[in-house]
PDB file of N, CA and C in Angstrom:
ATOM      1  N   UNK A   1      23.116   6.895 145.908  1.00  0.00           N
ATOM      2  CA  UNK A   1      23.471   7.811 146.969  1.00  0.00           C
ATOM      3  C   UNK A   1      22.452   8.946 147.032  1.00  0.00           C
ATOM      4  N   UNK A   2      22.334   9.519 148.176  1.00  0.00           N
ATOM      5  CA  UNK A   2      21.452  10.670 148.334  1.00  0.00           C
ATOM      6  C   UNK A   2      22.183  11.936 147.885  1.00  0.00           C
ATOM      7  N   UNK A   3      21.433  13.005 147.684  1.00  0.00           N
ATOM      8  CA  UNK A   3      22.029  14.292 147.311  1.00  0.00           C
ATOM      9  C   UNK A   3      23.032  14.729 148.373  1.00  0.00           C
ATOM     10  N   UNK A   4      22.680  14.542 149.624  1.00  0.00           N
ATOM     11  CA  UNK A   4      23.573  14.931 150.717  1.00  0.00           C
ATOM     12  C   UNK A   4      24.900  14.181 150.629  1.00  0.00           C
ATOM     13  N   UNK A   5      24.845  12.896 150.392  1.00  0.00           N
ATOM     14  CA  UNK A   5      26.067  12.091 150.268  1.00  0.00           C
ATOM     15  C   UNK A   5      26.875  12.516 149.054  1.00  0.00           C
ATOM     16  N   UNK A   6      26.199  12.753 147.944  1.00  0.00           N
ATOM     17  CA  UNK A   6      26.898  13.167 146.720  1.00  0.00           C
ATOM     18  C   UNK A   6      27.534  14.544 146.871  1.00  0.00           C
ATOM     19  N   UNK A   7      26.881  15.435 147.602  1.00  0.00           N
ATOM     20  CA  UNK A   7      27.356  16.815 147.732  1.00  0.00           C
ATOM     21  C   UNK A   7      28.516  16.952 148.705  1.00  0.00           C
ATOM     22  N   UNK A   8      28.628  16.037 149.649  1.00  0.00           N
ATOM     23  CA  UNK A   8      29.603  16.163 150.738  1.00  0.00           C
ATOM     24  C   UNK A   8      31.028  16.503 150.268  1.00  0.00           C
ATOM     25  N   UNK A   9      31.594  15.843 149.251  1.00  0.00           N
ATOM     26  CA  UNK A   9      32.985  16.151 148.884  1.00  0.00           C
ATOM     27  C   UNK A   9      33.169  17.463 148.106  1.00  0.00           C
ATOM     28  N   UNK A  10      32.100  18.108 147.726  1.00  0.00           N
ATOM     29  CA  UNK A  10      32.191  19.290 146.878  1.00  0.00           C
ATOM     30  C   UNK A  10      31.868  20.568 147.635  1.00  0.00           C
ATOM     31  N   UNK A  11      32.453  21.642 147.185  1.00  0.00           N
ATOM     32  CA  UNK A  11      32.175  22.957 147.751  1.00  0.00           C
ATOM     33  C   UNK A  11      31.013  23.580 146.976  1.00  0.00           C
ATOM     34  N   UNK A  12      29.840  22.949 147.116  1.00  0.00           N
ATOM     35  CA  UNK A  12      28.638  23.373 146.406  1.00  0.00           C
ATOM     36  C   UNK A  12      27.458  23.256 147.355  1.00  0.00           C
ATOM     37  N   UNK A  13      26.437  24.021 147.076  1.00  0.00           N
ATOM     38  CA  UNK A  13      25.211  23.911 147.870  1.00  0.00           C
ATOM     39  C   UNK A  13      24.445  22.653 147.445  1.00  0.00           C
ATOM     40  N   UNK A  14      23.575  22.198 148.329  1.00  0.00           N
ATOM     41  CA  UNK A  14      22.726  21.058 147.970  1.00  0.00           C
ATOM     42  C   UNK A  14      21.854  21.390 146.771  1.00  0.00           C
ATOM     43  N   UNK A  15      21.421  22.637 146.708  1.00  0.00           N
ATOM     44  CA  UNK A  15      20.603  23.081 145.581  1.00  0.00           C
ATOM     45  C   UNK A  15      21.369  22.960 144.263  1.00  0.00           C
ATOM     46  N   UNK A  16      22.627  23.355 144.270  1.00  0.00           N
ATOM     47  CA  UNK A  16      23.443  23.271 143.051  1.00  0.00           C
ATOM     48  C   UNK A  16      23.639  21.817 142.640  1.00  0.00           C
ATOM     49  N   UNK A  17      23.915  20.948 143.600  1.00  0.00           N
ATOM     50  CA  UNK A  17      24.079  19.527 143.291  1.00  0.00           C
ATOM     51  C   UNK A  17      22.767  18.966 142.749  1.00  0.00           C
ATOM     52  N   UNK A  18      21.655  19.342 143.350  1.00  0.00           N
ATOM     53  CA  UNK A  18      20.344  18.889 142.869  1.00  0.00           C
ATOM     54  C   UNK A  18      20.095  19.322 141.431  1.00  0.00           C
ATOM     55  N   UNK A  19      20.493  20.545 141.095  1.00  0.00           N
ATOM     56  CA  UNK A  19      20.325  21.029 139.719  1.00  0.00           C
ATOM     57  C   UNK A  19      21.160  20.207 138.743  1.00  0.00           C
ATOM     58  N   UNK A  20      22.391  19.898 139.120  1.00  0.00           N
ATOM     59  CA  UNK A  20      23.240  19.058 138.269  1.00  0.00           C
ATOM     60  C   UNK A  20      22.612  17.678 138.089  1.00  0.00           C
ATOM     61  N   UNK A  21      22.111  17.106 139.180  1.00  0.00           N
ATOM     62  CA  UNK A  21      21.480  15.800 139.096  1.00  0.00           C
ATOM     63  C   UNK A  21      20.236  15.839 138.222  1.00  0.00           C
ATOM     64  N   UNK A  22      19.504  16.938 138.282  1.00  0.00           N
ATOM     65  CA  UNK A  22      18.313  17.096 137.443  1.00  0.00           C
ATOM     66  C   UNK A  22      18.690  16.995 135.963  1.00  0.00           C
ATOM     67  N   UNK A  23      19.785  17.650 135.582  1.00  0.00           N
ATOM     68  CA  UNK A  23      20.230  17.600 134.185  1.00  0.00           C
ATOM     69  C   UNK A  23      20.750  16.210 133.818  1.00  0.00           C
ATOM     70  N   UNK A  24      21.497  15.593 134.720  1.00  0.00           N
ATOM     71  CA  UNK A  24      21.994  14.244 134.456  1.00  0.00           C
ATOM     72  C   UNK A  24      20.850  13.255 134.343  1.00  0.00           C
ATOM     73  N   UNK A  25      19.812  13.436 135.134  1.00  0.00           N
ATOM     74  CA  UNK A  25      18.629  12.587 135.066  1.00  0.00           C
ATOM     75  C   UNK A  25      17.911  12.772 133.731  1.00  0.00           C
ATOM     76  N   UNK A  26      17.825  14.018 133.287  1.00  0.00           N
ATOM     77  CA  UNK A  26      17.122  14.313 132.026  1.00  0.00           C
ATOM     78  C   UNK A  26      17.787  13.646 130.823  1.00  0.00           C
ATOM     79  N   UNK A  27      19.102  13.482 130.864  1.00  0.00           N
ATOM     80  CA  UNK A  27      19.801  12.861 129.729  1.00  0.00           C
ATOM     81  C   UNK A  27      20.102  11.385 129.984  1.00  0.00           C
ATOM     82  N   UNK A  28      19.619  10.861 131.111  1.00  0.00           N
ATOM     83  CA  UNK A  28      19.717   9.434 131.359  1.00  0.00           C
ATOM     84  C   UNK A  28      21.034   8.954 131.949  1.00  0.00           C
ATOM     85  N   UNK A  29      21.871   9.862 132.424  1.00  0.00           N
ATOM     86  CA  UNK A  29      23.166   9.453 132.984  1.00  0.00           C
ATOM     87  C   UNK A  29      23.020   8.987 134.431  1.00  0.00           C
ATOM     88  N   UNK A  30      21.991   9.445 135.111  1.00  0.00           N
ATOM     89  CA  UNK A  30      21.686   8.922 136.443  1.00  0.00           C
ATOM     90  C   UNK A  30      20.241   8.451 136.451  1.00  0.00           C
ATOM     91  N   UNK A  31      19.956   7.536 137.368  1.00  0.00           N
ATOM     92  CA  UNK A  31      18.590   7.073 137.607  1.00  0.00           C
ATOM     93  C   UNK A  31      18.286   7.369 139.060  1.00  0.00           C
ATOM     94  N   UNK A  32      17.018   7.515 139.370  1.00  0.00           N
ATOM     95  CA  UNK A  32      16.626   7.874 140.730  1.00  0.00           C
ATOM     96  C   UNK A  32      15.577   6.887 141.247  1.00  0.00           C
ATOM     97  N   UNK A  33      15.670   6.609 142.550  1.00  0.00           N
ATOM     98  CA  UNK A  33      14.710   5.751 143.240  1.00  0.00           C
ATOM     99  C   UNK A  33      14.315   6.467 144.524  1.00  0.00           C
ATOM    100  N   UNK A  34      13.030   6.537 144.777  1.00  0.00           N
ATOM    101  CA  UNK A  34      12.541   7.200 145.990  1.00  0.00           C
ATOM    102  C   UNK A  34      12.238   6.178 147.068  1.00  0.00           C
ATOM    103  N   UNK A  35      12.647   6.527 148.284  1.00  0.00           N
ATOM    104  CA  UNK A  35      12.300   5.752 149.480  1.00  0.00           C
ATOM    105  C   UNK A  35      11.851   6.743 150.529  1.00  0.00           C
ATOM    106  N   UNK A  36      10.558   6.801 150.759  1.00  0.00           N
ATOM    107  CA  UNK A  36      10.035   7.799 151.689  1.00  0.00           C
ATOM    108  C   UNK A  36      10.338   9.192 151.168  1.00  0.00           C
ATOM    109  N   UNK A  37      10.981  10.001 152.013  1.00  0.00           N
ATOM    110  CA  UNK A  37      11.313  11.371 151.605  1.00  0.00           C
ATOM    111  C   UNK A  37      12.659  11.468 150.908  1.00  0.00           C
ATOM    112  N   UNK A  38      13.401  10.387 150.886  1.00  0.00           N
ATOM    113  CA  UNK A  38      14.730  10.429 150.282  1.00  0.00           C
ATOM    114  C   UNK A  38      14.711   9.920 148.856  1.00  0.00           C
ATOM    115  N   UNK A  39      15.603  10.493 148.069  1.00  0.00           N
ATOM    116  CA  UNK A  39      15.797  10.049 146.688  1.00  0.00           C
ATOM    117  C   UNK A  39      17.219   9.536 146.567  1.00  0.00           C
ATOM    118  N   UNK A  40      17.357   8.362 146.004  1.00  0.00           N
ATOM    119  CA  UNK A  40      18.659   7.737 145.825  1.00  0.00           C
ATOM    120  C   UNK A  40      19.013   7.738 144.344  1.00  0.00           C
ATOM    121  N   UNK A  41      20.187   8.276 144.049  1.00  0.00           N
ATOM    122  CA  UNK A  41      20.662   8.373 142.669  1.00  0.00           C
ATOM    123  C   UNK A  41      21.716   7.314 142.433  1.00  0.00           C
ATOM    124  N   UNK A  42      21.721   6.793 141.210  1.00  0.00           N
ATOM    125  CA  UNK A  42      22.781   5.865 140.817  1.00  0.00           C
ATOM    126  C   UNK A  42      23.174   6.152 139.376  1.00  0.00           C
ATOM    127  N   UNK A  43      24.405   5.849 139.080  1.00  0.00           N
ATOM    128  CA  UNK A  43      24.946   6.090 137.746  1.00  0.00           C
ATOM    129  C   UNK A  43      24.367   5.098 136.755  1.00  0.00           C
ATOM    130  N   UNK A  44      24.012   5.575 135.604  1.00  0.00           N
ATOM    131  CA  UNK A  44      23.643   4.733 134.469  1.00  0.00           C
ATOM    132  C   UNK A  44      24.733   4.959 133.421  1.00  0.00           C
ATOM    133  N   UNK A  45      25.724   4.104 133.402  1.00  0.00           N
ATOM    134  CA  UNK A  45      26.902   4.324 132.561  1.00  0.00           C
ATOM    135  C   UNK A  45      26.674   4.019 131.083  1.00  0.00           C
ATOM    136  N   UNK A  46      25.562   3.408 130.754  1.00  0.00           N
ATOM    137  CA  UNK A  46      25.324   3.019 129.353  1.00  0.00           C
ATOM    138  C   UNK A  46      25.433   4.194 128.376  1.00  0.00           C
ATOM    139  N   UNK A  47      24.807   5.355 128.647  1.00  0.00           N
ATOM    140  CA  UNK A  47      24.971   6.478 127.706  1.00  0.00           C
ATOM    141  C   UNK A  47      26.414   6.966 127.610  1.00  0.00           C
ATOM    142  N   UNK A  48      27.171   6.838 128.693  1.00  0.00           N
ATOM    143  CA  UNK A  48      28.570   7.268 128.664  1.00  0.00           C
ATOM    144  C   UNK A  48      29.417   6.348 127.793  1.00  0.00           C
ATOM    145  N   UNK A  49      29.036   5.085 127.678  1.00  0.00           N
ATOM    146  CA  UNK A  49      29.767   4.147 126.821  1.00  0.00           C
ATOM    147  C   UNK A  49      29.707   4.604 125.373  1.00  0.00           C
ATOM    148  N   UNK A  50      28.552   5.080 124.940  1.00  0.00           N
ATOM    149  CA  UNK A  50      28.426   5.576 123.564  1.00  0.00           C
ATOM    150  C   UNK A  50      29.358   6.759 123.324  1.00  0.00           C
ATOM    151  N   UNK A  51      29.453   7.648 124.296  1.00  0.00           N
ATOM    152  CA  UNK A  51      30.353   8.798 124.190  1.00  0.00           C
ATOM    153  C   UNK A  51      31.806   8.321 124.150  1.00  0.00           C
ATOM    154  N   UNK A  52      32.151   7.393 125.041  1.00  0.00           N
ATOM    155  CA  UNK A  52      33.520   6.874 125.080  1.00  0.00           C
ATOM    156  C   UNK A  52      33.895   6.196 123.764  1.00  0.00           C
ATOM    157  N   UNK A  53      32.967   5.445 123.187  1.00  0.00           N
ATOM    158  CA  UNK A  53      33.226   4.796 121.901  1.00  0.00           C
ATOM    159  C   UNK A  53      33.459   5.825 120.806  1.00  0.00           C
ATOM    160  N   UNK A  54      32.655   6.859 120.788  1.00  0.00           N
ATOM    161  CA  UNK A  54      32.785   7.912 119.775  1.00  0.00           C
ATOM    162  C   UNK A  54      34.112   8.644 119.929  1.00  0.00           C
ATOM    163  N   UNK A  55      34.445   9.026 121.152  1.00  0.00           N
ATOM    164  CA  UNK A  55      35.713   9.723 121.406  1.00  0.00           C
ATOM    165  C   UNK A  55      36.890   8.800 121.092  1.00  0.00           C
ATOM    166  N   UNK A  56      36.731   7.509 121.369  1.00  0.00           N
ATOM    167  CA  UNK A  56      37.799   6.542 121.103  1.00  0.00           C
ATOM    168  C   UNK A  56      38.216   6.507 119.649  1.00  0.00           C
ATOM    169  N   UNK A  57      37.282   6.708 118.737  1.00  0.00           N
ATOM    170  CA  UNK A  57      37.621   6.754 117.307  1.00  0.00           C
ATOM    171  C   UNK A  57      38.588   7.895 117.026  1.00  0.00           C
ATOM    172  N   UNK A  58      38.329   9.042 117.609  1.00  0.00           N
ATOM    173  CA  UNK A  58      39.187  10.200 117.393  1.00  0.00           C
ATOM    174  C   UNK A  58      40.518  10.039 118.115  1.00  0.00           C
ATOM    175  N   UNK A  59      40.494   9.385 119.255  1.00  0.00           N
ATOM    176  CA  UNK A  59      41.737   9.142 119.983  1.00  0.00           C
ATOM    177  C   UNK A  59      42.675   8.278 119.145  1.00  0.00           C
ATOM    178  N   UNK A  60      42.147   7.212 118.548  1.00  0.00           N
ATOM    179  CA  UNK A  60      42.966   6.358 117.689  1.00  0.00           C
ATOM    180  C   UNK A  60      43.477   7.143 116.487  1.00  0.00           C
ATOM    181  N   UNK A  61      42.603   7.939 115.863  1.00  0.00           N
ATOM    182  CA  UNK A  61      42.989   8.736 114.699  1.00  0.00           C
ATOM    183  C   UNK A  61      44.146   9.668 115.049  1.00  0.00           C
ATOM    184  N   UNK A  62      44.003  10.441 116.139  1.00  0.00           N
ATOM    185  CA  UNK A  62      45.038  11.406 116.496  1.00  0.00           C
ATOM    186  C   UNK A  62      46.297  10.736 117.013  1.00  0.00           C
ATOM    187  N   UNK A  63      46.176   9.619 117.665  1.00  0.00           N
ATOM    188  CA  UNK A  63      47.379   8.884 118.092  1.00  0.00           C
ATOM    189  C   UNK A  63      48.187   8.466 116.878  1.00  0.00           C
ATOM    190  N   UNK A  64      47.518   7.926 115.873  1.00  0.00           N
ATOM    191  CA  UNK A  64      48.210   7.525 114.638  1.00  0.00           C
ATOM    192  C   UNK A  64      48.850   8.730 113.951  1.00  0.00           C
ATOM    193  N   UNK A  65      48.129   9.837 113.867  1.00  0.00           N
ATOM    194  CA  UNK A  65      48.657  11.032 113.201  1.00  0.00           C
ATOM    195  C   UNK A  65      49.858  11.608 113.943  1.00  0.00           C
ATOM    196  N   UNK A  66      49.775  11.656 115.268  1.00  0.00           N
ATOM    197  CA  UNK A  66      50.877  12.215 116.050  1.00  0.00           C
ATOM    198  C   UNK A  66      52.104  11.300 116.010  1.00  0.00           C
ATOM    199  N   UNK A  67      51.886   9.990 115.969  1.00  0.00           N
ATOM    200  CA  UNK A  67      53.016   9.075 115.832  1.00  0.00           C
ATOM    201  C   UNK A  67      53.673   9.239 114.474  1.00  0.00           C
ATOM    202  N   UNK A  68      52.875   9.435 113.432  1.00  0.00           N
ATOM    203  CA  UNK A  68      53.428   9.659 112.094  1.00  0.00           C
ATOM    204  C   UNK A  68      54.214  10.970 112.053  1.00  0.00           C
ATOM    205  N   UNK A  69      53.700  12.000 112.703  1.00  0.00           N
ATOM    206  CA  UNK A  69      54.413  13.278 112.761  1.00  0.00           C
ATOM    207  C   UNK A  69      55.729  13.116 113.505  1.00  0.00           C
ATOM    208  N   UNK A  70      55.712  12.407 114.632  1.00  0.00           N
ATOM    209  CA  UNK A  70      56.942  12.168 115.390  1.00  0.00           C
ATOM    210  C   UNK A  70      57.969  11.439 114.529  1.00  0.00           C
ATOM    211  N   UNK A  71      57.534  10.390 113.818  1.00  0.00           N
ATOM    212  CA  UNK A  71      58.442   9.638 112.958  1.00  0.00           C
ATOM    213  C   UNK A  71      59.018  10.530 111.870  1.00  0.00           C
ATOM    214  N   UNK A  72      58.187  11.351 111.275  1.00  0.00           N
ATOM    215  CA  UNK A  72      58.643  12.271 110.224  1.00  0.00           C
ATOM    216  C   UNK A  72      59.681  13.253 110.780  1.00  0.00           C
ATOM    217  N   UNK A  73      59.406  13.819 111.953  1.00  0.00           N
ATOM    218  CA  UNK A  73      60.341  14.782 112.538  1.00  0.00           C
ATOM    219  C   UNK A  73      61.644  14.103 112.964  1.00  0.00           C
ATOM    220  N   UNK A  74      61.571  12.860 113.427  1.00  0.00           N
ATOM    221  CA  UNK A  74      62.783  12.125 113.782  1.00  0.00           C
ATOM    222  C   UNK A  74      63.645  11.854 112.566  1.00  0.00           C
ATOM    223  N   UNK A  75      62.997  11.609 111.432  1.00  0.00           N
ATOM    224  CA  UNK A  75      63.719  11.309 110.195  1.00  0.00           C
ATOM    225  C   UNK A  75      64.227  12.570 109.495  1.00  0.00           C
ATOM    226  N   UNK A  76      63.617  13.707 109.806  1.00  0.00           N
ATOM    227  CA  UNK A  76      63.954  14.971 109.128  1.00  0.00           C
ATOM    228  C   UNK A  76      64.220  16.066 110.144  1.00  0.00           C
ATOM    229  N   UNK A  77      65.311  15.952 110.914  1.00  0.00           N
ATOM    230  CA  UNK A  77      65.587  17.006 111.898  1.00  0.00           C
ATOM    231  C   UNK A  77      65.916  18.320 111.204  1.00  0.00           C
ATOM    232  N   UNK A  78      65.605  19.405 111.850  1.00  0.00           N
ATOM    233  CA  UNK A  78      65.889  20.714 111.241  1.00  0.00           C
ATOM    234  C   UNK A  78      67.240  21.215 111.673  1.00  0.00           C
TER     235      UNK A  78
END
């Protein structure tokens, strides 16, 4: 999508959206292709998968801990 298309749903200037895209491009979350004067951005989800996998470990850990706490509180009402 172009910057204009990406910016349309947001209450932001094109400049602000461009700055965000610049940062996302720098960390590899988006890729860009130029056609004439237009630049087309697309999502590169691969780096986000690594983040999701890392967060998923903690999600499983805390789910188990919170379930254990719930079981303990159910067994030991105050």
